[in-house]
C-alpha atoms as a PDB file:
ATOM      1  CA  MET A   1     -21.873   8.646  11.208  1.00  0.00           C
ATOM      2  CA  LYS A   2     -24.024   5.858   9.324  1.00  0.00           C
ATOM      3  CA  LYS A   3     -26.467   6.821   6.880  1.00  0.00           C
ATOM      4  CA  THR A   4     -28.285   9.685   6.981  1.00  0.00           C
ATOM      5  CA  ALA A   5     -31.351  10.860   4.773  1.00  0.00           C
ATOM      6  CA  GLY A   6     -30.985   7.669   2.807  1.00  0.00           C
ATOM      7  CA  ARG A   7     -27.368   8.489   1.666  1.00  0.00           C
ATOM      8  CA  GLU A   8     -24.836   5.633   1.876  1.00  0.00           C
ATOM      9  CA  ARG A   9     -21.863   7.202   3.926  1.00  0.00           C
ATOM     10  CA  VAL A  10     -18.480   5.830   1.837  1.00  0.00           C
ATOM     11  CA  CYS A  11     -15.293   6.276   3.517  1.00  0.00           C
ATOM     12  CA  VAL A  12     -11.737   5.705   1.411  1.00  0.00           C
ATOM     13  CA  TYR A  13      -9.070   4.790   3.104  1.00  0.00           C
ATOM     14  CA  PRO A  14      -6.118   4.671   0.863  1.00  0.00           C
ATOM     15  CA  GLY A  15      -2.299   3.701   1.338  1.00  0.00           C
ATOM     16  CA  SER A  16       0.357   1.373  -0.220  1.00  0.00           C
ATOM     17  CA  PHE A  17      -0.252  -1.044   2.632  1.00  0.00           C
ATOM     18  CA  ASP A  18       3.010  -3.158   1.988  1.00  0.00           C
ATOM     19  CA  PRO A  19       2.300  -5.283   3.581  1.00  0.00           C
ATOM     20  CA  PRO A  20      -1.091  -4.443   5.763  1.00  0.00           C
ATOM     21  CA  THR A  21      -0.479  -4.482   9.376  1.00  0.00           C
ATOM     22  CA  ARG A  22      -2.127  -4.802  12.187  1.00  0.00           C
ATOM     23  CA  GLY A  23      -2.474  -1.225  12.676  1.00  0.00           C
ATOM     24  CA  HIS A  24      -4.199  -0.732   9.292  1.00  0.00           C
ATOM     25  CA  LEU A  25      -6.417  -3.689  10.144  1.00  0.00           C
ATOM     26  CA  GLU A  26      -7.453  -1.786  13.453  1.00  0.00           C
ATOM     27  CA  LEU A  27      -8.281   1.151  11.123  1.00  0.00           C
ATOM     28  CA  ILE A  28     -10.222  -0.575   9.004  1.00  0.00           C
ATOM     29  CA  ARG A  29     -12.205  -2.055  11.690  1.00  0.00           C
ATOM     30  CA  ARG A  30     -12.792   0.900  13.266  1.00  0.00           C
ATOM     31  CA  ALA A  31     -13.784   2.818  10.148  1.00  0.00           C
ATOM     32  CA  ALA A  32     -16.115  -0.030   9.365  1.00  0.00           C
ATOM     33  CA  ALA A  33     -18.059   0.810  12.494  1.00  0.00           C
ATOM     34  CA  LEU A  34     -18.312   4.282  11.608  1.00  0.00           C
ATOM     35  CA  TYR A  35     -19.409   4.201   7.882  1.00  0.00           C
ATOM     36  CA  ASP A  36     -21.699   2.401   5.550  1.00  0.00           C
ATOM     37  CA  ARG A  37     -18.692   1.263   3.348  1.00  0.00           C
ATOM     38  CA  VAL A  38     -15.366   1.710   3.478  1.00  0.00           C
ATOM     39  CA  ILE A  39     -13.178   1.333   0.276  1.00  0.00           C
ATOM     40  CA  VAL A  40      -9.541  -0.057   1.123  1.00  0.00           C
ATOM     41  CA  ALA A  41      -7.959   1.662  -1.788  1.00  0.00           C
ATOM     42  CA  VAL A  42      -3.943   0.423  -2.665  1.00  0.00           C
ATOM     43  CA  ALA A  43      -2.144   3.132  -4.500  1.00  0.00           C
ATOM     44  CA  VAL A  44      -0.604   1.957  -7.680  1.00  0.00           C
ATOM     45  CA  ASN A  45       2.435   4.101  -8.189  1.00  0.00           C
ATOM     46  CA  PRO A  46       4.578   3.080 -11.232  1.00  0.00           C
ATOM     47  CA  ASP A  47       7.365   5.237 -10.094  1.00  0.00           C
ATOM     48  CA  LYS A  48       7.647   3.247  -6.887  1.00  0.00           C
ATOM     49  CA  LYS A  49       8.710  -0.341  -6.649  1.00  0.00           C
ATOM     50  CA  GLY A  50       6.941  -2.021  -3.777  1.00  0.00           C
ATOM     51  CA  CYS A  51       8.027  -5.450  -1.968  1.00  0.00           C
ATOM     52  CA  PHE A  52       4.779  -6.839  -3.030  1.00  0.00           C
ATOM     53  CA  SER A  53       2.727  -6.174  -6.442  1.00  0.00           C
ATOM     54  CA  PRO A  54      -0.258  -4.077  -6.211  1.00  0.00           C
ATOM     55  CA  GLU A  55      -2.221  -7.301  -7.023  1.00  0.00           C
ATOM     56  CA  GLU A  56      -0.716  -9.056  -4.050  1.00  0.00           C
ATOM     57  CA  ARG A  57      -1.357  -6.335  -1.838  1.00  0.00           C
ATOM     58  CA  GLU A  58      -5.171  -6.494  -2.738  1.00  0.00           C
ATOM     59  CA  ALA A  59      -5.214  -9.982  -2.388  1.00  0.00           C
ATOM     60  CA  LEU A  60      -3.798  -9.684   1.188  1.00  0.00           C
ATOM     61  CA  LEU A  61      -5.782  -6.824   2.067  1.00  0.00           C
ATOM     62  CA  GLN A  62      -9.318  -8.865   0.908  1.00  0.00           C
ATOM     63  CA  GLU A  63      -7.853 -12.033   3.169  1.00  0.00           C
ATOM     64  CA  CYS A  64      -7.525 -10.062   6.127  1.00  0.00           C
ATOM     65  CA  THR A  65     -10.901  -7.947   5.637  1.00  0.00           C
ATOM     66  CA  ALA A  66     -13.154 -11.177   4.635  1.00  0.00           C
ATOM     67  CA  SER A  67     -15.010 -11.045   7.797  1.00  0.00           C
ATOM     68  CA  LEU A  68     -16.089  -7.194   7.472  1.00  0.00           C
ATOM     69  CA  SER A  69     -19.248  -7.065   5.398  1.00  0.00           C
ATOM     70  CA  ASN A  70     -19.077  -3.396   4.668  1.00  0.00           C
ATOM     71  CA  VAL A  71     -15.413  -3.158   3.388  1.00  0.00           C
ATOM     72  CA  GLU A  72     -14.108  -3.761  -0.119  1.00  0.00           C
ATOM     73  CA  VAL A  73     -10.552  -3.751  -1.544  1.00  0.00           C
ATOM     74  CA  ASP A  74      -9.780  -1.462  -4.432  1.00  0.00           C
ATOM     75  CA  ARG A  75      -6.756  -0.436  -6.579  1.00  0.00           C
ATOM     76  CA  PHE A  76      -5.950   2.991  -8.098  1.00  0.00           C
ATOM     77  CA  SER A  77      -3.551   5.261  -9.712  1.00  0.00           C
ATOM     78  CA  GLY A  78      -3.775   9.133  -9.729  1.00  0.00           C
ATOM     79  CA  LEU A  79      -4.788  11.705  -7.373  1.00  0.00           C
ATOM     80  CA  THR A  80      -6.409   9.911  -4.181  1.00  0.00           C
ATOM     81  CA  VAL A  81      -8.972  12.500  -3.543  1.00  0.00           C
ATOM     82  CA  GLN A  82     -10.486  12.285  -7.292  1.00  0.00           C
ATOM     83  CA  TYR A  83     -10.820   8.296  -6.740  1.00  0.00           C
ATOM     84  CA  ALA A  84     -12.411   9.144  -3.686  1.00  0.00           C
ATOM     85  CA  ARG A  85     -14.738  11.606  -5.637  1.00  0.00           C
ATOM     86  CA  ASP A  86     -15.465   9.348  -7.999  1.00  0.00           C
ATOM     87  CA  LYS A  87     -16.310   6.483  -5.702  1.00  0.00           C
ATOM     88  CA  GLY A  88     -18.633   8.889  -4.264  1.00  0.00           C
ATOM     89  CA  ALA A  89     -17.083   9.022  -0.781  1.00  0.00           C
ATOM     90  CA  CYS A  90     -17.729  11.592   1.620  1.00  0.00           C
ATOM     91  CA  ALA A  91     -14.317  10.817   3.745  1.00  0.00           C
ATOM     92  CA  LEU A  92     -10.751  10.223   3.364  1.00  0.00           C
ATOM     93  CA  LEU A  93      -9.359   8.231   6.326  1.00  0.00           C
ATOM     94  CA  ARG A  94      -5.842   8.775   7.435  1.00  0.00           C
ATOM     95  CA  GLY A  95      -4.239   6.946  10.199  1.00  0.00           C
ATOM     96  CA  LEU A  96      -2.036   9.047  12.658  1.00  0.00           C
ATOM     97  CA  ARG A  97       0.734   7.204  14.951  1.00  0.00           C
ATOM     98  CA  SER A  98       2.588  10.126  16.679  1.00  0.00           C
ATOM     99  CA  ALA A  99       2.529  13.745  16.433  1.00  0.00           C
ATOM    100  CA  ALA A 100       5.122  13.222  13.751  1.00  0.00           C
ATOM    101  CA  ASP A 101       2.594  12.008  11.361  1.00  0.00           C
ATOM    102  CA  PHE A 102       0.288  14.968  11.903  1.00  0.00           C
ATOM    103  CA  ASP A 103       1.980  17.900   9.733  1.00  0.00           C
ATOM    104  CA  PRO A 104       2.402  16.263   6.368  1.00  0.00           C
ATOM    105  CA  GLU A 105      -0.911  14.727   6.681  1.00  0.00           C
ATOM    106  CA  TRP A 106      -2.260  18.143   7.252  1.00  0.00           C
ATOM    107  CA  ARG A 107      -0.743  19.612   4.537  1.00  0.00           C
ATOM    108  CA  LEU A 108      -2.196  16.954   2.138  1.00  0.00           C
ATOM    109  CA  ALA A 109      -5.595  17.425   3.825  1.00  0.00           C
ATOM    110  CA  GLN A 110      -5.742  21.087   2.718  1.00  0.00           C
ATOM    111  CA  ILE A 111      -4.281  20.405  -0.622  1.00  0.00           C
ATOM    112  CA  ASN A 112      -7.192  17.782  -1.008  1.00  0.00           C
ATOM    113  CA  ARG A 113      -9.763  20.156   0.547  1.00  0.00           C
ATOM    114  CA  SER A 114      -8.907  22.604  -2.130  1.00  0.00           C
ATOM    115  CA  ILE A 115      -9.027  20.470  -5.171  1.00  0.00           C
ATOM    116  CA  CYS A 116     -12.825  18.746  -3.617  1.00  0.00           C
ATOM    117  CA  PRO A 117     -14.208  20.297  -1.000  1.00  0.00           C
ATOM    118  CA  GLU A 118     -17.135  17.867  -0.363  1.00  0.00           C
ATOM    119  CA  VAL A 119     -14.820  14.965   0.414  1.00  0.00           C
ATOM    120  CA  GLU A 120     -13.323  15.636   4.104  1.00  0.00           C
ATOM    121  CA  THR A 121     -10.045  13.965   5.602  1.00  0.00           C
ATOM    122  CA  VAL A 122     -10.762  12.230   8.792  1.00  0.00           C
ATOM    123  CA  PHE A 123      -7.613  11.430  11.126  1.00  0.00           C
ATOM    124  CA  LEU A 124      -7.906   8.402  13.122  1.00  0.00           C
ATOM    125  CA  MET A 125      -5.337   7.926  15.796  1.00  0.00           C
ATOM    126  CA  SER A 126      -3.584   4.197  16.269  1.00  0.00           C
ATOM    127  CA  SER A 127      -4.229   2.704  19.494  1.00  0.00           C
ATOM    128  CA  PRO A 128      -1.506   2.851  21.684  1.00  0.00           C
ATOM    129  CA  ALA A 129      -0.348  -0.573  21.395  1.00  0.00           C
ATOM    130  CA  LEU A 130       0.078  -0.377  17.751  1.00  0.00           C
ATOM    131  CA  ALA A 131       1.745   3.213  17.450  1.00  0.00           C
ATOM    132  CA  HIS A 132       4.964   1.996  16.717  1.00  0.00           C
ATOM    133  CA  VAL A 133       3.965  -0.729  13.496  1.00  0.00           C
ATOM    134  CA  SER A 134       4.734   0.085  10.270  1.00  0.00           C
ATOM    135  CA  SER A 135       4.944  -1.737   6.925  1.00  0.00           C
ATOM    136  CA  SER A 136       8.505  -0.738   6.392  1.00  0.00           C
ATOM    137  CA  ALA A 137       9.487  -2.049   9.855  1.00  0.00           C
ATOM    138  CA  VAL A 138       7.937  -5.206   9.211  1.00  0.00           C
ATOM    139  CA  ARG A 139       9.531  -5.492   5.826  1.00  0.00           C
ATOM    140  CA  GLU A 140      12.916  -4.800   7.671  1.00  0.00           C
ATOM    141  CA  MET A 141      12.105  -7.359  10.554  1.00  0.00           C
ATOM    142  CA  ALA A 142      11.466 -10.015   7.476  1.00  0.00           C
ATOM    143  CA  ALA A 143      14.401  -9.473   5.342  1.00  0.00           C
ATOM    144  CA  PHE A 144      16.806 -10.122   8.415  1.00  0.00           C
ATOM    145  CA  GLY A 145      14.807 -13.074   9.563  1.00  0.00           C
ATOM    146  CA  ALA A 146      13.293 -11.356  12.784  1.00  0.00           C
ATOM    147  CA  ASP A 147       9.565 -12.581  13.552  1.00  0.00           C
ATOM    148  CA  PHE A 148       7.233 -10.083  12.359  1.00  0.00           C
ATOM    149  CA  GLY A 149       4.108 -12.306  12.922  1.00  0.00           C
ATOM    150  CA  PRO A 150       3.008 -10.102  15.880  1.00  0.00           C
ATOM    151  CA  TYR A 151       2.649  -7.070  13.363  1.00  0.00           C
ATOM    152  CA  LEU A 152       0.592  -8.404  10.668  1.00  0.00           C
ATOM    153  CA  PRO A 153      -3.283  -9.775  11.073  1.00  0.00           C
ATOM    154  CA  ASP A 154      -3.028 -13.785  11.703  1.00  0.00           C
ATOM    155  CA  GLU A 155      -4.671 -14.510   8.089  1.00  0.00           C
ATOM    156  CA  ILE A 156      -1.910 -13.268   6.015  1.00  0.00           C
ATOM    157  CA  VAL A 157       1.558 -14.265   7.961  1.00  0.00           C
ATOM    158  CA  SER A 158       2.364 -17.147   6.289  1.00  0.00           C
ATOM    159  CA  HIS A 159       1.597 -15.369   2.872  1.00  0.00           C
ATOM    160  CA  VAL A 160       4.264 -12.726   3.884  1.00  0.00           C
ATOM    161  CA  ARG A 161       6.492 -15.090   5.580  1.00  0.00           C
ATOM    162  CA  ALA A 162       6.525 -17.386   2.033  1.00  0.00           C
ATOM    163  CA  HIS A 163       7.264 -13.967   0.054  1.00  0.00           C
ATOM    164  CA  PHE A 164      10.499 -13.456   2.609  1.00  0.00           C
ATOM    165  CA  GLU A 165      11.456 -17.234   2.606  1.00  0.00           C
ATOM    166  CA  PRO A 166      14.025 -16.881  -0.519  1.00  0.00           C
ATOM    167  CA  TYR A 167      15.426 -13.961   0.815  1.00  0.00           C
ATOM    168  CA  GLN A 168      16.391 -14.860   4.288  1.00  0.00           C
ATOM    169  CA  PRO A 169      20.130 -14.478   5.850  1.00  0.00           C
ATOM    170  CA  ASP A 170      22.175 -17.826   6.076  1.00  0.00           C
END
């Protein structure tokens, strides 16, 4: 899916990434092999209180994607498909960990297509080894002092550990 007729092919991978996991990074790497440019877009929703601030999530993602030359990290608020259109993207990337993820993602893809038909939604399945990994599971493990390191990119484990240190149970 690389350049066709001189046109750069841009993919937007939106999400909360609170925190980014090995599953997220796997999808980013795979998308980087398929597209000329991948924008990992941290969603900012003022109605939701994340564990990490949008700025922290952006910094964590920048750290674990630094070696990927065609990946950039950004923040956005508003409709994802409008953000993708504004960035000149031809695709929105969505990850699927299991069949249960498909129905809500399919519905969202249909809505996005009705708003902006020129931006395709592309689904990538998680690798079986990472299909059980989620940010919410990592946050819960961290809050209760369990070893969450195997589920995060090596580059950010110490940052996430330091974030949760004050909350460790006695």
